[in-house]
Amino acid sequence: MPKASNSKPNSALMKPVQPDPALAAIVGSEPLSRPELTKKIWDYIKKHSLQDPAQKRMINADATLKPVFDGKSQVSMFEMTRLVNGHIQ
């Protein structure tokens, strides 16, 4: 059985995806791998203090995030992932 450290990254996760204009307002318009995309979204959430302090799993949308969150003012981390997937090509 091969060691985990020798395993190759999942090529589907590393394949660059293109953010649509709504998502590009947060992460930029350049193609990114999914891990890079996720990191940039979390950097944005932390920079703007959008994580709900009482319920850490909830993300509050500002004017820039609201279009990505389909107009919702608050979503869970898990729902956020699903909604972001709708904004990549």
PDB file of N, CA and C in Angstrom:
ATOM      1  N   MET A   1       0.849  -1.185   0.000  1.00  0.00           N
ATOM      2  CA  MET A   1       0.000   0.000   0.000  1.00  0.00           C
ATOM      3  C   MET A   1       0.890   1.242   0.000  1.00  0.00           C
ATOM      4  N   PRO A   2       0.695   2.169  -0.961  1.00  0.00           N
ATOM      5  CA  PRO A   2       1.562   3.340  -1.029  1.00  0.00           C
ATOM      6  C   PRO A   2       1.310   4.297   0.139  1.00  0.00           C
ATOM      7  N   LYS A   3       2.360   4.983   0.517  1.00  0.00           N
ATOM      8  CA  LYS A   3       2.240   5.967   1.593  1.00  0.00           C
ATOM      9  C   LYS A   3       1.435   7.156   1.103  1.00  0.00           C
ATOM     10  N   ALA A   4       0.709   7.782   2.018  1.00  0.00           N
ATOM     11  CA  ALA A   4      -0.119   8.931   1.655  1.00  0.00           C
ATOM     12  C   ALA A   4       0.732  10.082   1.121  1.00  0.00           C
ATOM     13  N   SER A   5       1.955  10.217   1.622  1.00  0.00           N
ATOM     14  CA  SER A   5       2.802  11.327   1.191  1.00  0.00           C
ATOM     15  C   SER A   5       3.215  11.191  -0.273  1.00  0.00           C
ATOM     16  N   ASN A   6       3.145   9.991  -0.827  1.00  0.00           N
ATOM     17  CA  ASN A   6       3.499   9.787  -2.226  1.00  0.00           C
ATOM     18  C   ASN A   6       2.302   9.932  -3.154  1.00  0.00           C
ATOM     19  N   SER A   7       1.118  10.139  -2.609  1.00  0.00           N
ATOM     20  CA  SER A   7      -0.072  10.223  -3.453  1.00  0.00           C
ATOM     21  C   SER A   7      -0.061  11.533  -4.233  1.00  0.00           C
ATOM     22  N   LYS A   8      -0.601  11.475  -5.443  1.00  0.00           N
ATOM     23  CA  LYS A   8      -0.672  12.654  -6.292  1.00  0.00           C
ATOM     24  C   LYS A   8      -1.918  13.452  -5.929  1.00  0.00           C
ATOM     25  N   PRO A   9      -1.872  14.789  -6.071  1.00  0.00           N
ATOM     26  CA  PRO A   9      -3.076  15.574  -5.813  1.00  0.00           C
ATOM     27  C   PRO A   9      -4.168  15.199  -6.816  1.00  0.00           C
ATOM     28  N   ASN A  10      -5.393  15.328  -6.391  1.00  0.00           N
ATOM     29  CA  ASN A  10      -6.521  15.042  -7.266  1.00  0.00           C
ATOM     30  C   ASN A  10      -6.509  16.044  -8.414  1.00  0.00           C
ATOM     31  N   SER A  11      -6.282  15.564  -9.628  1.00  0.00           N
ATOM     32  CA  SER A  11      -6.143  16.469 -10.768  1.00  0.00           C
ATOM     33  C   SER A  11      -7.432  17.254 -11.031  1.00  0.00           C
ATOM     34  N   ALA A  12      -8.577  16.697 -10.690  1.00  0.00           N
ATOM     35  CA  ALA A  12      -9.832  17.429 -10.877  1.00  0.00           C
ATOM     36  C   ALA A  12      -9.888  18.655  -9.958  1.00  0.00           C
ATOM     37  N   LEU A  13      -9.344  18.526  -8.747  1.00  0.00           N
ATOM     38  CA  LEU A  13      -9.325  19.666  -7.826  1.00  0.00           C
ATOM     39  C   LEU A  13      -8.302  20.708  -8.245  1.00  0.00           C
ATOM     40  N   MET A  14      -7.230  20.274  -8.869  1.00  0.00           N
ATOM     41  CA  MET A  14      -6.161  21.194  -9.244  1.00  0.00           C
ATOM     42  C   MET A  14      -6.407  21.871 -10.599  1.00  0.00           C
ATOM     43  N   LYS A  15      -7.372  21.369 -11.363  1.00  0.00           N
ATOM     44  CA  LYS A  15      -7.677  21.950 -12.671  1.00  0.00           C
ATOM     45  C   LYS A  15      -8.230  23.367 -12.469  1.00  0.00           C
ATOM     46  N   PRO A  16      -7.657  24.350 -13.161  1.00  0.00           N
ATOM     47  CA  PRO A  16      -8.148  25.725 -12.987  1.00  0.00           C
ATOM     48  C   PRO A  16      -9.602  25.865 -13.423  1.00  0.00           C
ATOM     49  N   VAL A  17     -10.347  26.634 -12.661  1.00  0.00           N
ATOM     50  CA  VAL A  17     -11.734  26.949 -12.991  1.00  0.00           C
ATOM     51  C   VAL A  17     -11.825  28.461 -13.186  1.00  0.00           C
ATOM     52  N   GLN A  18     -12.762  28.879 -14.024  1.00  0.00           N
ATOM     53  CA  GLN A  18     -12.923  30.299 -14.342  1.00  0.00           C
ATOM     54  C   GLN A  18     -14.087  30.876 -13.531  1.00  0.00           C
ATOM     55  N   PRO A  19     -13.814  31.857 -12.640  1.00  0.00           N
ATOM     56  CA  PRO A  19     -14.916  32.483 -11.898  1.00  0.00           C
ATOM     57  C   PRO A  19     -15.761  33.364 -12.819  1.00  0.00           C
ATOM     58  N   ASP A  20     -17.073  33.391 -12.587  1.00  0.00           N
ATOM     59  CA  ASP A  20     -17.936  34.288 -13.355  1.00  0.00           C
ATOM     60  C   ASP A  20     -17.757  35.716 -12.801  1.00  0.00           C
ATOM     61  N   PRO A  21     -18.367  36.732 -13.429  1.00  0.00           N
ATOM     62  CA  PRO A  21     -18.146  38.114 -12.978  1.00  0.00           C
ATOM     63  C   PRO A  21     -18.494  38.366 -11.502  1.00  0.00           C
ATOM     64  N   ALA A  22     -19.558  37.750 -10.990  1.00  0.00           N
ATOM     65  CA  ALA A  22     -19.939  37.957  -9.585  1.00  0.00           C
ATOM     66  C   ALA A  22     -18.852  37.430  -8.649  1.00  0.00           C
ATOM     67  N   LEU A  23     -18.339  36.244  -8.920  1.00  0.00           N
ATOM     68  CA  LEU A  23     -17.286  35.655  -8.090  1.00  0.00           C
ATOM     69  C   LEU A  23     -15.949  36.347  -8.334  1.00  0.00           C
ATOM     70  N   ALA A  24     -15.709  36.800  -9.550  1.00  0.00           N
ATOM     71  CA  ALA A  24     -14.456  37.489  -9.881  1.00  0.00           C
ATOM     72  C   ALA A  24     -14.295  38.775  -9.075  1.00  0.00           C
ATOM     73  N   ALA A  25     -15.397  39.378  -8.647  1.00  0.00           N
ATOM     74  CA  ALA A  25     -15.324  40.583  -7.815  1.00  0.00           C
ATOM     75  C   ALA A  25     -14.650  40.282  -6.474  1.00  0.00           C
ATOM     76  N   ILE A  26     -14.641  39.021  -6.072  1.00  0.00           N
ATOM     77  CA  ILE A  26     -14.049  38.613  -4.796  1.00  0.00           C
ATOM     78  C   ILE A  26     -12.666  38.002  -4.994  1.00  0.00           C
ATOM     79  N   VAL A  27     -12.529  37.108  -5.966  1.00  0.00           N
ATOM     80  CA  VAL A  27     -11.290  36.332  -6.113  1.00  0.00           C
ATOM     81  C   VAL A  27     -10.429  36.763  -7.300  1.00  0.00           C
ATOM     82  N   GLY A  28     -10.905  37.681  -8.125  1.00  0.00           N
ATOM     83  CA  GLY A  28     -10.168  38.079  -9.316  1.00  0.00           C
ATOM     84  C   GLY A  28     -10.653  37.286 -10.521  1.00  0.00           C
ATOM     85  N   SER A  29     -10.284  37.742 -11.708  1.00  0.00           N
ATOM     86  CA  SER A  29     -10.822  37.132 -12.924  1.00  0.00           C
ATOM     87  C   SER A  29      -9.947  36.039 -13.516  1.00  0.00           C
ATOM     88  N   GLU A  30      -8.780  35.797 -12.919  1.00  0.00           N
ATOM     89  CA  GLU A  30      -7.882  34.759 -13.428  1.00  0.00           C
ATOM     90  C   GLU A  30      -8.383  33.367 -13.047  1.00  0.00           C
ATOM     91  N   PRO A  31      -8.177  32.360 -13.897  1.00  0.00           N
ATOM     92  CA  PRO A  31      -8.536  30.984 -13.520  1.00  0.00           C
ATOM     93  C   PRO A  31      -7.738  30.532 -12.292  1.00  0.00           C
ATOM     94  N   LEU A  32      -8.409  29.817 -11.381  1.00  0.00           N
ATOM     95  CA  LEU A  32      -7.804  29.337 -10.135  1.00  0.00           C
ATOM     96  C   LEU A  32      -8.159  27.878  -9.921  1.00  0.00           C
ATOM     97  N   SER A  33      -7.283  27.150  -9.198  1.00  0.00           N
ATOM     98  CA  SER A  33      -7.655  25.800  -8.784  1.00  0.00           C
ATOM     99  C   SER A  33      -8.691  25.942  -7.663  1.00  0.00           C
ATOM    100  N   ARG A  34      -9.435  24.888  -7.417  1.00  0.00           N
ATOM    101  CA  ARG A  34     -10.458  24.963  -6.357  1.00  0.00           C
ATOM    102  C   ARG A  34      -9.866  25.298  -4.984  1.00  0.00           C
ATOM    103  N   PRO A  35      -8.721  24.699  -4.604  1.00  0.00           N
ATOM    104  CA  PRO A  35      -8.147  25.088  -3.302  1.00  0.00           C
ATOM    105  C   PRO A  35      -7.761  26.572  -3.246  1.00  0.00           C
ATOM    106  N   GLU A  36      -7.226  27.117  -4.336  1.00  0.00           N
ATOM    107  CA  GLU A  36      -6.881  28.542  -4.365  1.00  0.00           C
ATOM    108  C   GLU A  36      -8.140  29.399  -4.274  1.00  0.00           C
ATOM    109  N   LEU A  37      -9.176  28.981  -4.982  1.00  0.00           N
ATOM    110  CA  LEU A  37     -10.444  29.697  -4.965  1.00  0.00           C
ATOM    111  C   LEU A  37     -11.009  29.746  -3.551  1.00  0.00           C
ATOM    112  N   THR A  38     -11.037  28.598  -2.893  1.00  0.00           N
ATOM    113  CA  THR A  38     -11.552  28.512  -1.527  1.00  0.00           C
ATOM    114  C   THR A  38     -10.740  29.398  -0.590  1.00  0.00           C
ATOM    115  N   LYS A  39      -9.423  29.373  -0.721  1.00  0.00           N
ATOM    116  CA  LYS A  39      -8.560  30.184   0.131  1.00  0.00           C
ATOM    117  C   LYS A  39      -8.856  31.667  -0.058  1.00  0.00           C
ATOM    118  N   LYS A  40      -9.013  32.103  -1.313  1.00  0.00           N
ATOM    119  CA  LYS A  40      -9.281  33.522  -1.567  1.00  0.00           C
ATOM    120  C   LYS A  40     -10.645  33.942  -1.017  1.00  0.00           C
ATOM    121  N   ILE A  41     -11.636  33.070  -1.105  1.00  0.00           N
ATOM    122  CA  ILE A  41     -12.955  33.386  -0.550  1.00  0.00           C
ATOM    123  C   ILE A  41     -12.842  33.538   0.963  1.00  0.00           C
ATOM    124  N   TRP A  42     -12.140  32.611   1.620  1.00  0.00           N
ATOM    125  CA  TRP A  42     -11.977  32.691   3.073  1.00  0.00           C
ATOM    126  C   TRP A  42     -11.149  33.906   3.478  1.00  0.00           C
ATOM    127  N   ASP A  43     -10.141  34.256   2.686  1.00  0.00           N
ATOM    128  CA  ASP A  43      -9.368  35.475   2.970  1.00  0.00           C
ATOM    129  C   ASP A  43     -10.287  36.690   2.944  1.00  0.00           C
ATOM    130  N   TYR A  44     -11.181  36.735   1.965  1.00  0.00           N
ATOM    131  CA  TYR A  44     -12.131  37.841   1.839  1.00  0.00           C
ATOM    132  C   TYR A  44     -13.077  37.868   3.046  1.00  0.00           C
ATOM    133  N   ILE A  45     -13.613  36.701   3.417  1.00  0.00           N
ATOM    134  CA  ILE A  45     -14.542  36.616   4.552  1.00  0.00           C
ATOM    135  C   ILE A  45     -13.855  37.098   5.832  1.00  0.00           C
ATOM    136  N   LYS A  46     -12.626  36.661   6.061  1.00  0.00           N
ATOM    137  CA  LYS A  46     -11.899  37.054   7.271  1.00  0.00           C
ATOM    138  C   LYS A  46     -11.534  38.536   7.246  1.00  0.00           C
ATOM    139  N   LYS A  47     -11.077  39.031   6.089  1.00  0.00           N
ATOM    140  CA  LYS A  47     -10.678  40.441   5.973  1.00  0.00           C
ATOM    141  C   LYS A  47     -11.846  41.372   6.282  1.00  0.00           C
ATOM    142  N   HIS A  48     -13.051  40.972   5.878  1.00  0.00           N
ATOM    143  CA  HIS A  48     -14.238  41.806   6.070  1.00  0.00           C
ATOM    144  C   HIS A  48     -15.080  41.381   7.276  1.00  0.00           C
ATOM    145  N   SER A  49     -14.567  40.479   8.105  1.00  0.00           N
ATOM    146  CA  SER A  49     -15.258  40.006   9.324  1.00  0.00           C
ATOM    147  C   SER A  49     -16.688  39.567   9.032  1.00  0.00           C
ATOM    148  N   LEU A  50     -16.844  38.671   8.062  1.00  0.00           N
ATOM    149  CA  LEU A  50     -18.181  38.235   7.646  1.00  0.00           C
ATOM    150  C   LEU A  50     -18.622  36.925   8.288  1.00  0.00           C
ATOM    151  N   GLN A  51     -17.744  36.278   9.067  1.00  0.00           N
ATOM    152  CA  GLN A  51     -18.142  35.060   9.764  1.00  0.00           C
ATOM    153  C   GLN A  51     -18.950  35.476  10.984  1.00  0.00           C
ATOM    154  N   ASP A  52     -20.130  34.884  11.154  1.00  0.00           N
ATOM    155  CA  ASP A  52     -21.000  35.231  12.269  1.00  0.00           C
ATOM    156  C   ASP A  52     -20.302  34.891  13.583  1.00  0.00           C
ATOM    157  N   PRO A  53     -20.113  35.877  14.483  1.00  0.00           N
ATOM    158  CA  PRO A  53     -19.389  35.600  15.732  1.00  0.00           C
ATOM    159  C   PRO A  53     -20.129  34.629  16.662  1.00  0.00           C
ATOM    160  N   ALA A  54     -21.458  34.609  16.605  1.00  0.00           N
ATOM    161  CA  ALA A  54     -22.234  33.716  17.475  1.00  0.00           C
ATOM    162  C   ALA A  54     -22.322  32.298  16.896  1.00  0.00           C
ATOM    163  N   GLN A  55     -22.468  32.198  15.583  1.00  0.00           N
ATOM    164  CA  GLN A  55     -22.568  30.909  14.900  1.00  0.00           C
ATOM    165  C   GLN A  55     -21.467  30.857  13.857  1.00  0.00           C
ATOM    166  N   LYS A  56     -20.329  30.288  14.224  1.00  0.00           N
ATOM    167  CA  LYS A  56     -19.137  30.303  13.370  1.00  0.00           C
ATOM    168  C   LYS A  56     -19.350  29.626  12.014  1.00  0.00           C
ATOM    169  N   ARG A  57     -20.351  28.741  11.904  1.00  0.00           N
ATOM    170  CA  ARG A  57     -20.591  28.057  10.627  1.00  0.00           C
ATOM    171  C   ARG A  57     -21.352  28.921   9.634  1.00  0.00           C
ATOM    172  N   MET A  58     -21.829  30.076  10.087  1.00  0.00           N
ATOM    173  CA  MET A  58     -22.624  30.943   9.222  1.00  0.00           C
ATOM    174  C   MET A  58     -21.773  32.095   8.685  1.00  0.00           C
ATOM    175  N   ILE A  59     -21.987  32.413   7.409  1.00  0.00           N
ATOM    176  CA  ILE A  59     -21.278  33.496   6.751  1.00  0.00           C
ATOM    177  C   ILE A  59     -22.301  34.571   6.382  1.00  0.00           C
ATOM    178  N   ASN A  60     -22.033  35.803   6.806  1.00  0.00           N
ATOM    179  CA  ASN A  60     -22.902  36.925   6.479  1.00  0.00           C
ATOM    180  C   ASN A  60     -22.434  37.538   5.162  1.00  0.00           C
ATOM    181  N   ALA A  61     -23.365  37.831   4.289  1.00  0.00           N
ATOM    182  CA  ALA A  61     -23.024  38.383   2.977  1.00  0.00           C
ATOM    183  C   ALA A  61     -22.977  39.906   3.035  1.00  0.00           C
ATOM    184  N   ASP A  62     -21.932  40.483   2.429  1.00  0.00           N
ATOM    185  CA  ASP A  62     -21.922  41.914   2.194  1.00  0.00           C
ATOM    186  C   ASP A  62     -22.428  42.136   0.770  1.00  0.00           C
ATOM    187  N   ALA A  63     -22.394  43.372   0.290  1.00  0.00           N
ATOM    188  CA  ALA A  63     -22.928  43.675  -1.044  1.00  0.00           C
ATOM    189  C   ALA A  63     -22.198  42.903  -2.144  1.00  0.00           C
ATOM    190  N   THR A  64     -20.912  42.614  -1.944  1.00  0.00           N
ATOM    191  CA  THR A  64     -20.138  41.898  -2.961  1.00  0.00           C
ATOM    192  C   THR A  64     -20.447  40.405  -2.952  1.00  0.00           C
ATOM    193  N   LEU A  65     -20.655  39.834  -1.772  1.00  0.00           N
ATOM    194  CA  LEU A  65     -20.923  38.391  -1.665  1.00  0.00           C
ATOM    195  C   LEU A  65     -22.374  38.025  -1.983  1.00  0.00           C
ATOM    196  N   LYS A  66     -23.291  38.954  -1.789  1.00  0.00           N
ATOM    197  CA  LYS A  66     -24.716  38.637  -1.960  1.00  0.00           C
ATOM    198  C   LYS A  66     -25.042  38.037  -3.328  1.00  0.00           C
ATOM    199  N   PRO A  67     -24.502  38.561  -4.446  1.00  0.00           N
ATOM    200  CA  PRO A  67     -24.804  37.929  -5.742  1.00  0.00           C
ATOM    201  C   PRO A  67     -24.295  36.484  -5.829  1.00  0.00           C
ATOM    202  N   VAL A  68     -23.163  36.196  -5.187  1.00  0.00           N
ATOM    203  CA  VAL A  68     -22.619  34.837  -5.183  1.00  0.00           C
ATOM    204  C   VAL A  68     -23.506  33.924  -4.335  1.00  0.00           C
ATOM    205  N   PHE A  69     -24.095  34.484  -3.280  1.00  0.00           N
ATOM    206  CA  PHE A  69     -24.968  33.716  -2.380  1.00  0.00           C
ATOM    207  C   PHE A  69     -26.414  33.729  -2.861  1.00  0.00           C
ATOM    208  N   ASP A  70     -26.647  33.992  -4.135  1.00  0.00           N
ATOM    209  CA  ASP A  70     -27.987  34.029  -4.734  1.00  0.00           C
ATOM    210  C   ASP A  70     -28.932  34.972  -3.989  1.00  0.00           C
ATOM    211  N   GLY A  71     -28.396  36.104  -3.528  1.00  0.00           N
ATOM    212  CA  GLY A  71     -29.208  37.123  -2.879  1.00  0.00           C
ATOM    213  C   GLY A  71     -29.465  36.889  -1.403  1.00  0.00           C
ATOM    214  N   LYS A  72     -28.979  35.786  -0.847  1.00  0.00           N
ATOM    215  CA  LYS A  72     -29.196  35.495   0.571  1.00  0.00           C
ATOM    216  C   LYS A  72     -28.263  36.345   1.425  1.00  0.00           C
ATOM    217  N   SER A  73     -28.743  36.777   2.596  1.00  0.00           N
ATOM    218  CA  SER A  73     -27.910  37.605   3.464  1.00  0.00           C
ATOM    219  C   SER A  73     -27.024  36.772   4.384  1.00  0.00           C
ATOM    220  N   GLN A  74     -27.356  35.479   4.540  1.00  0.00           N
ATOM    221  CA  GLN A  74     -26.527  34.598   5.375  1.00  0.00           C
ATOM    222  C   GLN A  74     -26.662  33.159   4.876  1.00  0.00           C
ATOM    223  N   VAL A  75     -25.520  32.467   4.810  1.00  0.00           N
ATOM    224  CA  VAL A  75     -25.523  31.058   4.413  1.00  0.00           C
ATOM    225  C   VAL A  75     -24.556  30.290   5.308  1.00  0.00           C
ATOM    226  N   SER A  76     -24.733  28.969   5.369  1.00  0.00           N
ATOM    227  CA  SER A  76     -23.791  28.143   6.126  1.00  0.00           C
ATOM    228  C   SER A  76     -22.553  27.900   5.260  1.00  0.00           C
ATOM    229  N   MET A  77     -21.472  27.466   5.893  1.00  0.00           N
ATOM    230  CA  MET A  77     -20.242  27.153   5.157  1.00  0.00           C
ATOM    231  C   MET A  77     -20.513  26.126   4.067  1.00  0.00           C
ATOM    232  N   PHE A  78     -21.339  25.138   4.384  1.00  0.00           N
ATOM    233  CA  PHE A  78     -21.618  24.049   3.451  1.00  0.00           C
ATOM    234  C   PHE A  78     -22.442  24.539   2.273  1.00  0.00           C
ATOM    235  N   GLU A  79     -23.419  25.393   2.557  1.00  0.00           N
ATOM    236  CA  GLU A  79     -24.233  25.960   1.483  1.00  0.00           C
ATOM    237  C   GLU A  79     -23.380  26.893   0.624  1.00  0.00           C
ATOM    238  N   MET A  80     -22.446  27.605   1.244  1.00  0.00           N
ATOM    239  CA  MET A  80     -21.563  28.506   0.512  1.00  0.00           C
ATOM    240  C   MET A  80     -20.801  27.744  -0.578  1.00  0.00           C
ATOM    241  N   THR A  81     -20.282  26.577  -0.243  1.00  0.00           N
ATOM    242  CA  THR A  81     -19.536  25.772  -1.214  1.00  0.00           C
ATOM    243  C   THR A  81     -20.407  25.438  -2.416  1.00  0.00           C
ATOM    244  N   ARG A  82     -21.639  25.029  -2.148  1.00  0.00           N
ATOM    245  CA  ARG A  82     -22.567  24.687  -3.234  1.00  0.00           C
ATOM    246  C   ARG A  82     -22.884  25.912  -4.092  1.00  0.00           C
ATOM    247  N   LEU A  83     -23.107  27.057  -3.446  1.00  0.00           N
ATOM    248  CA  LEU A  83     -23.440  28.272  -4.185  1.00  0.00           C
ATOM    249  C   LEU A  83     -22.256  28.768  -5.021  1.00  0.00           C
ATOM    250  N   VAL A  84     -21.050  28.687  -4.471  1.00  0.00           N
ATOM    251  CA  VAL A  84     -19.854  29.110  -5.208  1.00  0.00           C
ATOM    252  C   VAL A  84     -19.669  28.240  -6.452  1.00  0.00           C
ATOM    253  N   ASN A  85     -19.965  26.937  -6.348  1.00  0.00           N
ATOM    254  CA  ASN A  85     -19.816  26.043  -7.498  1.00  0.00           C
ATOM    255  C   ASN A  85     -20.694  26.469  -8.659  1.00  0.00           C
ATOM    256  N   GLY A  86     -21.774  27.179  -8.383  1.00  0.00           N
ATOM    257  CA  GLY A  86     -22.641  27.696  -9.441  1.00  0.00           C
ATOM    258  C   GLY A  86     -22.066  28.906 -10.157  1.00  0.00           C
ATOM    259  N   HIS A  87     -20.936  29.416  -9.655  1.00  0.00           N
ATOM    260  CA  HIS A  87     -20.341  30.625 -10.233  1.00  0.00           C
ATOM    261  C   HIS A  87     -18.980  30.371 -10.866  1.00  0.00           C
ATOM    262  N   ILE A  88     -18.700  29.100 -11.154  1.00  0.00           N
ATOM    263  CA  ILE A  88     -17.445  28.775 -11.833  1.00  0.00           C
ATOM    264  C   ILE A  88     -17.741  28.003 -13.112  1.00  0.00           C
ATOM    265  N   GLN A  89     -16.815  28.113 -14.049  1.00  0.00           N
ATOM    266  CA  GLN A  89     -16.989  27.430 -15.337  1.00  0.00           C
ATOM    267  C   GLN A  89     -15.844  26.474 -15.548  1.00  0.00           C
TER     268      GLN A  89
END
